[in-house]
Amino acid sequence: MGSQLLSTIEHRKVLPESYIRPESDRPRLAEVTTDSNVPLIDLASPDKHRVIAEIGLSCRTYGFFQVINHGIEEELLEKMMAVGLQFFRLPPEEKEKLYSDEPSKKIRLSTSFNVRKETVHNWRDYLRLHCHPLEEFLPEWPSNPESFKEIVSQYCREVRQLGLRLLGMISLSLGLEEDYIEKALGEQEQHMAVNYYPQCPEPDLTYGLPKHTDPNALTILLQDPNVAGLQVLKDGDHWIAVNPRPNALIVNLGDQLQALSNGAYKSVWHRAVVNAARERMSVASFLCPCNSAVISPAAGLVGDGDDTPVYRSYTYDEYYKKFWSRNLDQEHCLELFRS
């Protein structure tokens, strides 16, 4: 089964037919623009009220923001990217041990997104890891490369601390208590996707990942510092490229924060495109509600008049199952949970 992995196949000159998108669903890379106003937030700023206001504005208008001076050392970011690339360069027989196309498996190496369901594949391999509690999952992680467990576990710990800190700021930006969102989400799970996008012979015809929102609460993305690929939908009608910025991390709002904010904050539509000249890596860390958490608009944000609940109450387990039962680029899954 591991023979399906793109990282084990020699570079091709023609894109295989199973990866070619219909003409109406191609990235149209020539139409993508850049945006000099992409939010960049300095978490070391002494003006905390301003930081919280900037986060709130970013969540309302873009659904994502970049952070610098976030507390994770540059050396660790570099090591995380390097060990991820080393993993994908392992011999095929080594990667075969971890291959699975079963979405519910907590530690797995796979390709595309959901090869069991999709009709067109995506130009991506990925390693999916569950990361919390670390001591529970760490023994099942890859032991090769030798430094993998040490580097990735340190990165996971620090990303989790950053994520919880950001959730507190997002709570405050909504006018809620700082710990409101963290409490509402319960003992949060943490997952990671180490993404590998090989050189692609025809990047105009396919995606690394098609447009989607994230089903979780918060995603922290470490981008390849040398190769662009992340694009986000702005104002619902045009794609903007989010180019790598040294030592910055991308923070995406997931569907659960859109629900908790009663629709005030946006879970951002985003996609990954691929490159003809260079391979690309990214590392996405997902903070997720515990499965039994009951998600609903925060009580402090709903009331009389226009502030009626936009979404009904549901458990995260219910939401996550619905998300995985559909195609990645279908309508927003939250539409199925409206009041």
C-alpha atoms as a PDB file:
ATOM      1  CA  MET A   1       0.000   0.000   0.000  1.00  0.00           C
ATOM      2  CA  GLY A   2       2.879   2.374   0.698  1.00  0.00           C
ATOM      3  CA  SER A   3       3.610   2.258  -3.028  1.00  0.00           C
ATOM      4  CA  GLN A   4       0.869   4.887  -3.399  1.00  0.00           C
ATOM      5  CA  LEU A   5       3.113   7.423  -1.665  1.00  0.00           C
ATOM      6  CA  LEU A   6       4.327  10.206  -3.928  1.00  0.00           C
ATOM      7  CA  SER A   7       7.526  10.427  -1.905  1.00  0.00           C
ATOM      8  CA  THR A   8       8.534   6.931  -3.048  1.00  0.00           C
ATOM      9  CA  ILE A   9       7.955   7.569  -6.770  1.00  0.00           C
ATOM     10  CA  GLU A  10      10.517   9.101  -9.069  1.00  0.00           C
ATOM     11  CA  HIS A  11       9.727  12.599 -10.311  1.00  0.00           C
ATOM     12  CA  ARG A  12       7.345  12.446 -13.263  1.00  0.00           C
ATOM     13  CA  LYS A  13       7.159  14.673 -16.336  1.00  0.00           C
ATOM     14  CA  VAL A  14       3.385  14.313 -16.758  1.00  0.00           C
ATOM     15  CA  LEU A  15       0.739  14.532 -14.046  1.00  0.00           C
ATOM     16  CA  PRO A  16      -1.089  11.184 -13.654  1.00  0.00           C
ATOM     17  CA  GLU A  17      -4.733  11.400 -14.672  1.00  0.00           C
ATOM     18  CA  SER A  18      -6.010  10.549 -11.181  1.00  0.00           C
ATOM     19  CA  TYR A  19      -4.640  13.906  -9.954  1.00  0.00           C
ATOM     20  CA  ILE A  20      -6.085  16.131 -12.683  1.00  0.00           C
ATOM     21  CA  ARG A  21      -8.916  18.384 -11.510  1.00  0.00           C
ATOM     22  CA  PRO A  22     -11.902  19.234 -13.723  1.00  0.00           C
ATOM     23  CA  GLU A  23     -11.319  22.486 -15.575  1.00  0.00           C
ATOM     24  CA  SER A  24     -13.839  24.316 -13.359  1.00  0.00           C
ATOM     25  CA  ASP A  25     -11.935  23.278 -10.231  1.00  0.00           C
ATOM     26  CA  ARG A  26      -8.339  24.232 -10.931  1.00  0.00           C
ATOM     27  CA  PRO A  27      -6.210  26.680  -8.960  1.00  0.00           C
ATOM     28  CA  ARG A  28      -5.917  29.347 -11.712  1.00  0.00           C
ATOM     29  CA  LEU A  29      -2.607  30.419 -10.276  1.00  0.00           C
ATOM     30  CA  ALA A  30      -2.322  33.449 -12.563  1.00  0.00           C
ATOM     31  CA  GLU A  31      -5.362  34.985 -10.818  1.00  0.00           C
ATOM     32  CA  VAL A  32      -3.946  34.649  -7.280  1.00  0.00           C
ATOM     33  CA  THR A  33      -2.829  37.930  -5.706  1.00  0.00           C
ATOM     34  CA  THR A  34      -0.701  38.923  -2.747  1.00  0.00           C
ATOM     35  CA  ASP A  35      -1.993  41.091   0.093  1.00  0.00           C
ATOM     36  CA  SER A  36       0.395  43.418   1.886  1.00  0.00           C
ATOM     37  CA  ASN A  37      -2.118  43.743   4.738  1.00  0.00           C
ATOM     38  CA  VAL A  38      -2.072  40.099   5.836  1.00  0.00           C
ATOM     39  CA  PRO A  39      -2.237  40.448   9.649  1.00  0.00           C
ATOM     40  CA  LEU A  40       1.130  40.152  11.406  1.00  0.00           C
ATOM     41  CA  ILE A  41       0.958  40.226  15.200  1.00  0.00           C
ATOM     42  CA  ASP A  42       3.947  40.667  17.488  1.00  0.00           C
ATOM     43  CA  LEU A  43       3.196  38.660  20.618  1.00  0.00           C
ATOM     44  CA  ALA A  44       6.097  40.341  22.450  1.00  0.00           C
ATOM     45  CA  SER A  45       4.471  43.766  22.207  1.00  0.00           C
ATOM     46  CA  PRO A  46       4.090  45.384  25.643  1.00  0.00           C
ATOM     47  CA  ASP A  47       0.687  46.783  24.600  1.00  0.00           C
ATOM     48  CA  LYS A  48      -1.446  43.723  25.359  1.00  0.00           C
ATOM     49  CA  HIS A  49      -4.733  45.526  24.744  1.00  0.00           C
ATOM     50  CA  ARG A  50      -3.570  46.398  21.245  1.00  0.00           C
ATOM     51  CA  VAL A  51      -2.472  42.799  20.586  1.00  0.00           C
ATOM     52  CA  ILE A  52      -5.891  41.502  21.641  1.00  0.00           C
ATOM     53  CA  ALA A  53      -7.641  44.103  19.478  1.00  0.00           C
ATOM     54  CA  GLU A  54      -5.475  43.135  16.485  1.00  0.00           C
ATOM     55  CA  ILE A  55      -6.298  39.473  17.021  1.00  0.00           C
ATOM     56  CA  GLY A  56     -10.011  40.261  17.169  1.00  0.00           C
ATOM     57  CA  LEU A  57      -9.898  42.306  13.965  1.00  0.00           C
ATOM     58  CA  SER A  58      -7.923  39.567  12.192  1.00  0.00           C
ATOM     59  CA  CYS A  59     -10.423  36.910  13.275  1.00  0.00           C
ATOM     60  CA  ARG A  60     -13.367  38.959  11.985  1.00  0.00           C
ATOM     61  CA  THR A  61     -11.866  39.983   8.655  1.00  0.00           C
ATOM     62  CA  TYR A  62      -9.396  37.300   7.603  1.00  0.00           C
ATOM     63  CA  GLY A  63      -9.977  34.253   9.808  1.00  0.00           C
ATOM     64  CA  PHE A  64      -6.241  33.867  10.252  1.00  0.00           C
ATOM     65  CA  PHE A  65      -3.140  35.815  11.241  1.00  0.00           C
ATOM     66  CA  GLN A  66       0.635  35.445  11.477  1.00  0.00           C
ATOM     67  CA  VAL A  67       2.511  35.666  14.767  1.00  0.00           C
ATOM     68  CA  ILE A  68       6.123  36.610  15.454  1.00  0.00           C
ATOM     69  CA  ASN A  69       8.009  36.591  18.758  1.00  0.00           C
ATOM     70  CA  HIS A  70       5.788  33.682  19.701  1.00  0.00           C
ATOM     71  CA  GLY A  71       8.263  32.057  22.089  1.00  0.00           C
ATOM     72  CA  ILE A  72       9.351  29.079  19.973  1.00  0.00           C
ATOM     73  CA  GLU A  73      13.041  29.300  19.131  1.00  0.00           C
ATOM     74  CA  GLU A  74      14.109  29.569  15.502  1.00  0.00           C
ATOM     75  CA  GLU A  75      16.436  26.601  15.963  1.00  0.00           C
ATOM     76  CA  LEU A  76      13.549  24.348  16.955  1.00  0.00           C
ATOM     77  CA  LEU A  77      11.478  25.473  13.943  1.00  0.00           C
ATOM     78  CA  GLU A  78      14.415  24.619  11.666  1.00  0.00           C
ATOM     79  CA  LYS A  79      14.943  21.232  13.325  1.00  0.00           C
ATOM     80  CA  MET A  80      11.241  20.399  13.010  1.00  0.00           C
ATOM     81  CA  MET A  81      11.258  21.076   9.270  1.00  0.00           C
ATOM     82  CA  ALA A  82      14.539  19.219   8.770  1.00  0.00           C
ATOM     83  CA  VAL A  83      13.518  16.050  10.590  1.00  0.00           C
ATOM     84  CA  GLY A  84      10.185  16.023   8.755  1.00  0.00           C
ATOM     85  CA  LEU A  85      11.979  16.114   5.412  1.00  0.00           C
ATOM     86  CA  GLN A  86      14.383  13.403   6.574  1.00  0.00           C
ATOM     87  CA  PHE A  87      11.377  11.209   7.363  1.00  0.00           C
ATOM     88  CA  PHE A  88       9.927  11.521   3.865  1.00  0.00           C
ATOM     89  CA  ARG A  89      13.314  10.665   2.388  1.00  0.00           C
ATOM     90  CA  LEU A  90      13.466   7.333   4.221  1.00  0.00           C
ATOM     91  CA  PRO A  91      13.561   4.169   2.097  1.00  0.00           C
ATOM     92  CA  PRO A  92      10.135   2.928   0.905  1.00  0.00           C
ATOM     93  CA  GLU A  93      10.270  -0.205   3.079  1.00  0.00           C
ATOM     94  CA  GLU A  94      10.723   1.967   6.192  1.00  0.00           C
ATOM     95  CA  LYS A  95       7.720   4.159   5.357  1.00  0.00           C
ATOM     96  CA  GLU A  96       5.632   1.101   4.454  1.00  0.00           C
ATOM     97  CA  LYS A  97       5.517   0.185   8.159  1.00  0.00           C
ATOM     98  CA  LEU A  98       3.431   3.265   8.954  1.00  0.00           C
ATOM     99  CA  TYR A  99       1.222   3.459   5.846  1.00  0.00           C
ATOM    100  CA  SER A 100      -2.564   3.405   6.325  1.00  0.00           C
ATOM    101  CA  ASP A 101      -5.568   4.885   4.526  1.00  0.00           C
ATOM    102  CA  GLU A 102      -7.829   4.412   7.556  1.00  0.00           C
ATOM    103  CA  PRO A 103      -8.820   7.952   8.695  1.00  0.00           C
ATOM    104  CA  SER A 104      -9.500   6.932  12.288  1.00  0.00           C
ATOM    105  CA  LYS A 105      -5.996   5.583  12.843  1.00  0.00           C
ATOM    106  CA  LYS A 106      -4.139   7.924  15.186  1.00  0.00           C
ATOM    107  CA  ILE A 107      -0.593   7.376  13.918  1.00  0.00           C
ATOM    108  CA  ARG A 108      -0.366   6.918  10.170  1.00  0.00           C
ATOM    109  CA  LEU A 109       1.455   7.820   7.016  1.00  0.00           C
ATOM    110  CA  SER A 110      -0.809   8.373   4.047  1.00  0.00           C
ATOM    111  CA  THR A 111      -1.261  10.257   0.807  1.00  0.00           C
ATOM    112  CA  SER A 112      -3.700  12.803  -0.647  1.00  0.00           C
ATOM    113  CA  PHE A 113      -6.524  13.338   1.907  1.00  0.00           C
ATOM    114  CA  ASN A 114      -9.006  10.478   2.075  1.00  0.00           C
ATOM    115  CA  VAL A 115      -8.083   8.029  -0.676  1.00  0.00           C
ATOM    116  CA  ARG A 116     -10.975   5.734   0.212  1.00  0.00           C
ATOM    117  CA  LYS A 117     -13.578   8.362  -0.693  1.00  0.00           C
ATOM    118  CA  GLU A 118     -12.146  10.892  -3.110  1.00  0.00           C
ATOM    119  CA  THR A 119     -12.407  10.653  -6.876  1.00  0.00           C
ATOM    120  CA  VAL A 120      -9.465  12.985  -7.641  1.00  0.00           C
ATOM    121  CA  HIS A 121      -6.275  12.749  -5.581  1.00  0.00           C
ATOM    122  CA  ASN A 122      -4.169  15.551  -4.100  1.00  0.00           C
ATOM    123  CA  TRP A 123      -0.426  15.961  -4.666  1.00  0.00           C
ATOM    124  CA  ARG A 124       0.536  15.376  -1.036  1.00  0.00           C
ATOM    125  CA  ASP A 125       1.906  12.772   1.367  1.00  0.00           C
ATOM    126  CA  TYR A 126       1.457  13.317   5.081  1.00  0.00           C
ATOM    127  CA  LEU A 127       2.340  11.861   8.432  1.00  0.00           C
ATOM    128  CA  ARG A 128      -0.503  12.140  10.936  1.00  0.00           C
ATOM    129  CA  LEU A 129       0.384  12.045  14.635  1.00  0.00           C
ATOM    130  CA  HIS A 130      -1.712  12.341  17.759  1.00  0.00           C
ATOM    131  CA  CYS A 131       0.273  14.386  20.261  1.00  0.00           C
ATOM    132  CA  HIS A 132      -1.629  14.703  23.544  1.00  0.00           C
ATOM    133  CA  PRO A 133      -1.140  13.249  26.019  1.00  0.00           C
ATOM    134  CA  LEU A 134       2.365  12.787  24.643  1.00  0.00           C
ATOM    135  CA  GLU A 135       3.296   9.867  26.883  1.00  0.00           C
ATOM    136  CA  GLU A 136       0.346   7.911  25.473  1.00  0.00           C
ATOM    137  CA  PHE A 137       1.214   8.344  21.793  1.00  0.00           C
ATOM    138  CA  LEU A 138       4.979   8.863  21.729  1.00  0.00           C
ATOM    139  CA  PRO A 139       5.867   5.124  21.824  1.00  0.00           C
ATOM    140  CA  GLU A 140       3.976   4.618  18.531  1.00  0.00           C
ATOM    141  CA  TRP A 141       5.706   7.472  16.693  1.00  0.00           C
ATOM    142  CA  PRO A 142       8.425   6.779  14.134  1.00  0.00           C
ATOM    143  CA  SER A 143      11.807   5.854  15.609  1.00  0.00           C
ATOM    144  CA  ASN A 144      13.531   6.715  12.371  1.00  0.00           C
ATOM    145  CA  PRO A 145      15.063   9.267  11.893  1.00  0.00           C
ATOM    146  CA  GLU A 146      16.752   8.738  15.255  1.00  0.00           C
ATOM    147  CA  SER A 147      16.113  12.303  16.451  1.00  0.00           C
ATOM    148  CA  PHE A 148      12.458  12.345  15.337  1.00  0.00           C
ATOM    149  CA  LYS A 149      10.770  11.673  18.668  1.00  0.00           C
ATOM    150  CA  GLU A 150      12.929  14.104  20.624  1.00  0.00           C
ATOM    151  CA  ILE A 151      12.559  17.029  18.214  1.00  0.00           C
ATOM    152  CA  VAL A 152       8.886  16.560  17.384  1.00  0.00           C
ATOM    153  CA  SER A 153       7.810  16.037  20.993  1.00  0.00           C
ATOM    154  CA  GLN A 154       9.565  19.250  22.045  1.00  0.00           C
ATOM    155  CA  TYR A 155       7.884  21.117  19.192  1.00  0.00           C
ATOM    156  CA  CYS A 156       4.480  19.660  20.140  1.00  0.00           C
ATOM    157  CA  ARG A 157       4.831  20.785  23.757  1.00  0.00           C
ATOM    158  CA  GLU A 158       5.757  24.317  22.794  1.00  0.00           C
ATOM    159  CA  VAL A 159       3.054  24.623  20.136  1.00  0.00           C
ATOM    160  CA  ARG A 160       0.455  23.476  22.653  1.00  0.00           C
ATOM    161  CA  GLN A 161       1.524  26.165  25.120  1.00  0.00           C
ATOM    162  CA  LEU A 162       1.335  28.763  22.364  1.00  0.00           C
ATOM    163  CA  GLY A 163      -2.072  27.515  21.229  1.00  0.00           C
ATOM    164  CA  LEU A 164      -3.585  27.710  24.708  1.00  0.00           C
ATOM    165  CA  ARG A 165      -2.139  31.203  25.118  1.00  0.00           C
ATOM    166  CA  LEU A 166      -3.709  32.266  21.820  1.00  0.00           C
ATOM    167  CA  LEU A 167      -7.086  30.811  22.796  1.00  0.00           C
ATOM    168  CA  GLY A 168      -6.978  33.007  25.900  1.00  0.00           C
ATOM    169  CA  MET A 169      -6.329  36.096  23.775  1.00  0.00           C
ATOM    170  CA  ILE A 170      -9.109  35.133  21.361  1.00  0.00           C
ATOM    171  CA  SER A 171     -11.487  34.746  24.325  1.00  0.00           C
ATOM    172  CA  LEU A 172     -10.576  38.210  25.584  1.00  0.00           C
ATOM    173  CA  SER A 173     -11.000  39.675  22.099  1.00  0.00           C
ATOM    174  CA  LEU A 174     -14.612  38.425  22.134  1.00  0.00           C
ATOM    175  CA  GLY A 175     -15.232  40.093  25.496  1.00  0.00           C
ATOM    176  CA  LEU A 176     -15.276  36.735  27.296  1.00  0.00           C
ATOM    177  CA  GLU A 177     -13.265  35.547  30.284  1.00  0.00           C
ATOM    178  CA  GLU A 178      -9.709  34.600  29.295  1.00  0.00           C
ATOM    179  CA  ASP A 179     -10.247  30.905  30.078  1.00  0.00           C
ATOM    180  CA  TYR A 180     -13.738  30.654  28.521  1.00  0.00           C
ATOM    181  CA  ILE A 181     -12.762  28.949  25.260  1.00  0.00           C
ATOM    182  CA  GLU A 182     -10.249  26.610  26.884  1.00  0.00           C
ATOM    183  CA  LYS A 183     -12.896  25.458  29.385  1.00  0.00           C
ATOM    184  CA  ALA A 184     -15.560  25.116  26.670  1.00  0.00           C
ATOM    185  CA  LEU A 185     -13.309  22.856  24.591  1.00  0.00           C
ATOM    186  CA  GLY A 186     -12.499  20.506  27.484  1.00  0.00           C
ATOM    187  CA  GLU A 187      -9.235  18.573  27.709  1.00  0.00           C
ATOM    188  CA  GLN A 188      -8.116  19.341  24.195  1.00  0.00           C
ATOM    189  CA  GLU A 189      -6.653  16.761  21.913  1.00  0.00           C
ATOM    190  CA  GLN A 190      -3.704  17.729  19.765  1.00  0.00           C
ATOM    191  CA  HIS A 191      -2.903  16.334  16.326  1.00  0.00           C
ATOM    192  CA  MET A 192      -0.175  17.080  13.832  1.00  0.00           C
ATOM    193  CA  ALA A 193       0.116  16.679  10.072  1.00  0.00           C
ATOM    194  CA  VAL A 194       3.623  16.755   8.640  1.00  0.00           C
ATOM    195  CA  ASN A 195       2.902  17.524   4.984  1.00  0.00           C
ATOM    196  CA  TYR A 196       5.159  16.753   2.045  1.00  0.00           C
ATOM    197  CA  TYR A 197       4.358  18.196  -1.384  1.00  0.00           C
ATOM    198  CA  PRO A 198       6.767  16.839  -4.043  1.00  0.00           C
ATOM    199  CA  GLN A 199       7.718  18.716  -7.173  1.00  0.00           C
ATOM    200  CA  CYS A 200       4.677  18.594  -9.451  1.00  0.00           C
ATOM    201  CA  PRO A 201       4.994  18.477 -13.241  1.00  0.00           C
ATOM    202  CA  GLU A 202       1.745  20.404 -13.831  1.00  0.00           C
ATOM    203  CA  PRO A 203       0.801  22.497 -10.769  1.00  0.00           C
ATOM    204  CA  ASP A 204      -1.989  24.318 -12.652  1.00  0.00           C
ATOM    205  CA  LEU A 205      -3.979  21.078 -12.871  1.00  0.00           C
ATOM    206  CA  THR A 206      -4.049  19.894  -9.253  1.00  0.00           C
ATOM    207  CA  TYR A 207      -3.785  20.816  -5.576  1.00  0.00           C
ATOM    208  CA  GLY A 208      -1.685  19.845  -2.620  1.00  0.00           C
ATOM    209  CA  LEU A 209      -4.967  20.235  -0.771  1.00  0.00           C
ATOM    210  CA  PRO A 210      -8.152  21.757  -2.238  1.00  0.00           C
ATOM    211  CA  LYS A 211     -10.046  24.517  -0.483  1.00  0.00           C
ATOM    212  CA  HIS A 212     -11.284  23.564   2.956  1.00  0.00           C
ATOM    213  CA  THR A 213     -11.822  24.812   6.456  1.00  0.00           C
ATOM    214  CA  ASP A 214     -10.358  23.054   9.481  1.00  0.00           C
ATOM    215  CA  PRO A 215     -12.854  21.114  11.642  1.00  0.00           C
ATOM    216  CA  ASN A 216     -10.951  21.717  14.891  1.00  0.00           C
ATOM    217  CA  ALA A 217     -10.619  24.856  17.047  1.00  0.00           C
ATOM    218  CA  LEU A 218      -7.209  26.317  16.201  1.00  0.00           C
ATOM    219  CA  THR A 219      -4.474  25.390  13.722  1.00  0.00           C
ATOM    220  CA  ILE A 220      -0.872  26.575  13.992  1.00  0.00           C
ATOM    221  CA  LEU A 221       1.048  26.170  10.750  1.00  0.00           C
ATOM    222  CA  LEU A 222       4.792  26.110  10.300  1.00  0.00           C
ATOM    223  CA  GLN A 223       5.452  26.941   6.643  1.00  0.00           C
ATOM    224  CA  ASP A 224       8.383  25.954   4.503  1.00  0.00           C
ATOM    225  CA  PRO A 225      10.598  29.058   4.736  1.00  0.00           C
ATOM    226  CA  ASN A 226      11.685  28.839   1.106  1.00  0.00           C
ATOM    227  CA  VAL A 227       8.642  27.720  -0.903  1.00  0.00           C
ATOM    228  CA  ALA A 228       5.199  29.351  -0.932  1.00  0.00           C
ATOM    229  CA  GLY A 229       2.054  27.233  -1.141  1.00  0.00           C
ATOM    230  CA  LEU A 230      -0.589  28.400   1.339  1.00  0.00           C
ATOM    231  CA  GLN A 231      -3.453  30.447  -0.114  1.00  0.00           C
ATOM    232  CA  VAL A 232      -6.536  31.806   1.664  1.00  0.00           C
ATOM    233  CA  LEU A 233      -9.894  32.994   0.355  1.00  0.00           C
ATOM    234  CA  LYS A 234     -10.409  36.713   0.942  1.00  0.00           C
ATOM    235  CA  ASP A 235     -13.882  38.292   0.986  1.00  0.00           C
ATOM    236  CA  GLY A 236     -15.313  35.067  -0.401  1.00  0.00           C
ATOM    237  CA  ASP A 237     -14.249  35.759  -3.960  1.00  0.00           C
ATOM    238  CA  HIS A 238     -10.484  35.783  -4.515  1.00  0.00           C
ATOM    239  CA  TRP A 239      -7.431  33.852  -3.406  1.00  0.00           C
ATOM    240  CA  ILE A 240      -4.415  35.485  -1.829  1.00  0.00           C
ATOM    241  CA  ALA A 241      -0.996  33.902  -1.379  1.00  0.00           C
ATOM    242  CA  VAL A 242       0.400  33.836   2.158  1.00  0.00           C
ATOM    243  CA  ASN A 243       4.106  33.898   1.497  1.00  0.00           C
ATOM    244  CA  PRO A 244       6.546  32.530   4.093  1.00  0.00           C
ATOM    245  CA  ARG A 245       7.910  35.022   6.590  1.00  0.00           C
ATOM    246  CA  PRO A 246      11.039  34.211   8.621  1.00  0.00           C
ATOM    247  CA  ASN A 247      10.212  32.678  12.016  1.00  0.00           C
ATOM    248  CA  ALA A 248       6.509  33.483  11.724  1.00  0.00           C
ATOM    249  CA  LEU A 249       3.755  30.963  12.415  1.00  0.00           C
ATOM    250  CA  ILE A 250       0.336  31.030  10.752  1.00  0.00           C
ATOM    251  CA  VAL A 251      -2.702  30.784  13.030  1.00  0.00           C
ATOM    252  CA  ASN A 252      -5.921  29.565  11.355  1.00  0.00           C
ATOM    253  CA  LEU A 253      -9.290  29.691  13.078  1.00  0.00           C
ATOM    254  CA  GLY A 254     -11.115  26.382  12.836  1.00  0.00           C
ATOM    255  CA  ASP A 255     -14.827  25.667  12.615  1.00  0.00           C
ATOM    256  CA  GLN A 256     -15.299  25.350  16.382  1.00  0.00           C
ATOM    257  CA  LEU A 257     -14.187  28.937  17.014  1.00  0.00           C
ATOM    258  CA  GLN A 258     -16.618  30.154  14.376  1.00  0.00           C
ATOM    259  CA  ALA A 259     -19.376  28.310  16.241  1.00  0.00           C
ATOM    260  CA  LEU A 260     -18.296  29.474  19.712  1.00  0.00           C
ATOM    261  CA  SER A 261     -18.150  33.086  18.479  1.00  0.00           C
ATOM    262  CA  ASN A 262     -21.670  32.723  17.037  1.00  0.00           C
ATOM    263  CA  GLY A 263     -20.333  33.401  13.569  1.00  0.00           C
ATOM    264  CA  ALA A 264     -18.529  36.634  14.486  1.00  0.00           C
ATOM    265  CA  TYR A 265     -15.143  35.048  13.778  1.00  0.00           C
ATOM    266  CA  LYS A 266     -14.495  33.174  10.554  1.00  0.00           C
ATOM    267  CA  SER A 267     -13.063  29.736   9.991  1.00  0.00           C
ATOM    268  CA  VAL A 268     -10.873  30.503   7.001  1.00  0.00           C
ATOM    269  CA  TRP A 269     -11.151  28.739   3.647  1.00  0.00           C
ATOM    270  CA  HIS A 270      -7.639  27.839   2.581  1.00  0.00           C
ATOM    271  CA  ARG A 271      -5.806  25.552   0.183  1.00  0.00           C
ATOM    272  CA  ALA A 272      -2.303  24.343  -0.653  1.00  0.00           C
ATOM    273  CA  VAL A 273      -0.907  24.638  -4.155  1.00  0.00           C
ATOM    274  CA  VAL A 274       2.158  22.865  -5.497  1.00  0.00           C
ATOM    275  CA  ASN A 275       5.331  23.832  -7.279  1.00  0.00           C
ATOM    276  CA  ALA A 276       6.963  22.641 -10.497  1.00  0.00           C
ATOM    277  CA  ALA A 277      10.500  23.496  -9.438  1.00  0.00           C
ATOM    278  CA  ARG A 278      10.693  22.599  -5.747  1.00  0.00           C
ATOM    279  CA  GLU A 279       9.321  20.243  -3.117  1.00  0.00           C
ATOM    280  CA  ARG A 280       7.613  21.863  -0.142  1.00  0.00           C
ATOM    281  CA  MET A 281       7.022  20.969   3.505  1.00  0.00           C
ATOM    282  CA  SER A 282       4.622  22.259   6.127  1.00  0.00           C
ATOM    283  CA  VAL A 283       3.734  21.222   9.664  1.00  0.00           C
ATOM    284  CA  ALA A 284       0.157  21.795  10.829  1.00  0.00           C
ATOM    285  CA  SER A 285      -0.666  21.462  14.537  1.00  0.00           C
ATOM    286  CA  PHE A 286      -4.336  21.142  15.449  1.00  0.00           C
ATOM    287  CA  LEU A 287      -5.888  21.922  18.829  1.00  0.00           C
ATOM    288  CA  CYS A 288      -9.175  20.024  18.991  1.00  0.00           C
ATOM    289  CA  PRO A 289     -12.009  19.911  21.534  1.00  0.00           C
ATOM    290  CA  CYS A 290     -12.325  16.675  23.433  1.00  0.00           C
ATOM    291  CA  ASN A 291     -14.867  14.434  21.699  1.00  0.00           C
ATOM    292  CA  SER A 292     -17.499  14.849  24.424  1.00  0.00           C
ATOM    293  CA  ALA A 293     -17.264  18.676  24.507  1.00  0.00           C
ATOM    294  CA  VAL A 294     -20.618  20.301  23.759  1.00  0.00           C
ATOM    295  CA  ILE A 295     -20.031  23.152  21.328  1.00  0.00           C
ATOM    296  CA  SER A 296     -22.457  26.058  21.091  1.00  0.00           C
ATOM    297  CA  PRO A 297     -22.304  29.850  20.799  1.00  0.00           C
ATOM    298  CA  ALA A 298     -20.939  31.406  23.998  1.00  0.00           C
ATOM    299  CA  ALA A 299     -23.748  32.508  26.299  1.00  0.00           C
ATOM    300  CA  GLY A 300     -22.213  35.971  26.583  1.00  0.00           C
ATOM    301  CA  LEU A 301     -22.534  36.459  22.824  1.00  0.00           C
ATOM    302  CA  VAL A 302     -26.194  35.558  22.363  1.00  0.00           C
ATOM    303  CA  GLY A 303     -29.303  37.209  23.682  1.00  0.00           C
ATOM    304  CA  ASP A 304     -32.233  39.162  22.364  1.00  0.00           C
ATOM    305  CA  GLY A 305     -32.697  40.600  18.882  1.00  0.00           C
ATOM    306  CA  ASP A 306     -29.973  39.993  16.351  1.00  0.00           C
ATOM    307  CA  ASP A 307     -27.826  37.976  18.733  1.00  0.00           C
ATOM    308  CA  THR A 308     -29.788  34.747  18.530  1.00  0.00           C
ATOM    309  CA  PRO A 309     -27.709  31.551  18.241  1.00  0.00           C
ATOM    310  CA  VAL A 310     -26.580  30.900  14.678  1.00  0.00           C
ATOM    311  CA  TYR A 311     -25.621  27.285  15.453  1.00  0.00           C
ATOM    312  CA  ARG A 312     -27.266  24.536  17.470  1.00  0.00           C
ATOM    313  CA  SER A 313     -25.448  22.685  20.233  1.00  0.00           C
ATOM    314  CA  TYR A 314     -23.558  19.555  19.209  1.00  0.00           C
ATOM    315  CA  THR A 315     -20.704  17.395  20.436  1.00  0.00           C
ATOM    316  CA  TYR A 316     -17.338  17.614  18.737  1.00  0.00           C
ATOM    317  CA  ASP A 317     -17.524  13.860  18.113  1.00  0.00           C
ATOM    318  CA  GLU A 318     -20.715  14.414  16.092  1.00  0.00           C
ATOM    319  CA  TYR A 319     -19.086  17.211  14.100  1.00  0.00           C
ATOM    320  CA  TYR A 320     -15.843  15.387  13.388  1.00  0.00           C
ATOM    321  CA  LYS A 321     -17.638  12.283  12.105  1.00  0.00           C
ATOM    322  CA  LYS A 322     -19.769  14.417   9.798  1.00  0.00           C
ATOM    323  CA  PHE A 323     -16.668  16.254   8.520  1.00  0.00           C
ATOM    324  CA  TRP A 324     -14.864  13.033   7.627  1.00  0.00           C
ATOM    325  CA  SER A 325     -17.936  11.543   5.941  1.00  0.00           C
ATOM    326  CA  ARG A 326     -17.874  14.269   3.282  1.00  0.00           C
ATOM    327  CA  ASN A 327     -15.490  15.450   0.614  1.00  0.00           C
ATOM    328  CA  LEU A 328     -12.957  18.000   1.808  1.00  0.00           C
ATOM    329  CA  ASP A 329     -14.083  20.806  -0.515  1.00  0.00           C
ATOM    330  CA  GLN A 330     -17.860  20.525  -0.071  1.00  0.00           C
ATOM    331  CA  GLU A 331     -19.907  23.348   1.473  1.00  0.00           C
ATOM    332  CA  HIS A 332     -18.887  24.488   4.939  1.00  0.00           C
ATOM    333  CA  CYS A 333     -19.660  21.654   7.355  1.00  0.00           C
ATOM    334  CA  LEU A 334     -20.991  24.170   9.899  1.00  0.00           C
ATOM    335  CA  GLU A 335     -23.914  24.843   7.558  1.00  0.00           C
ATOM    336  CA  LEU A 336     -25.264  21.466   8.646  1.00  0.00           C
ATOM    337  CA  PHE A 337     -25.364  22.638  12.280  1.00  0.00           C
ATOM    338  CA  ARG A 338     -27.278  25.889  11.930  1.00  0.00           C
ATOM    339  CA  SER A 339     -30.077  26.566  14.428  1.00  0.00           C
END
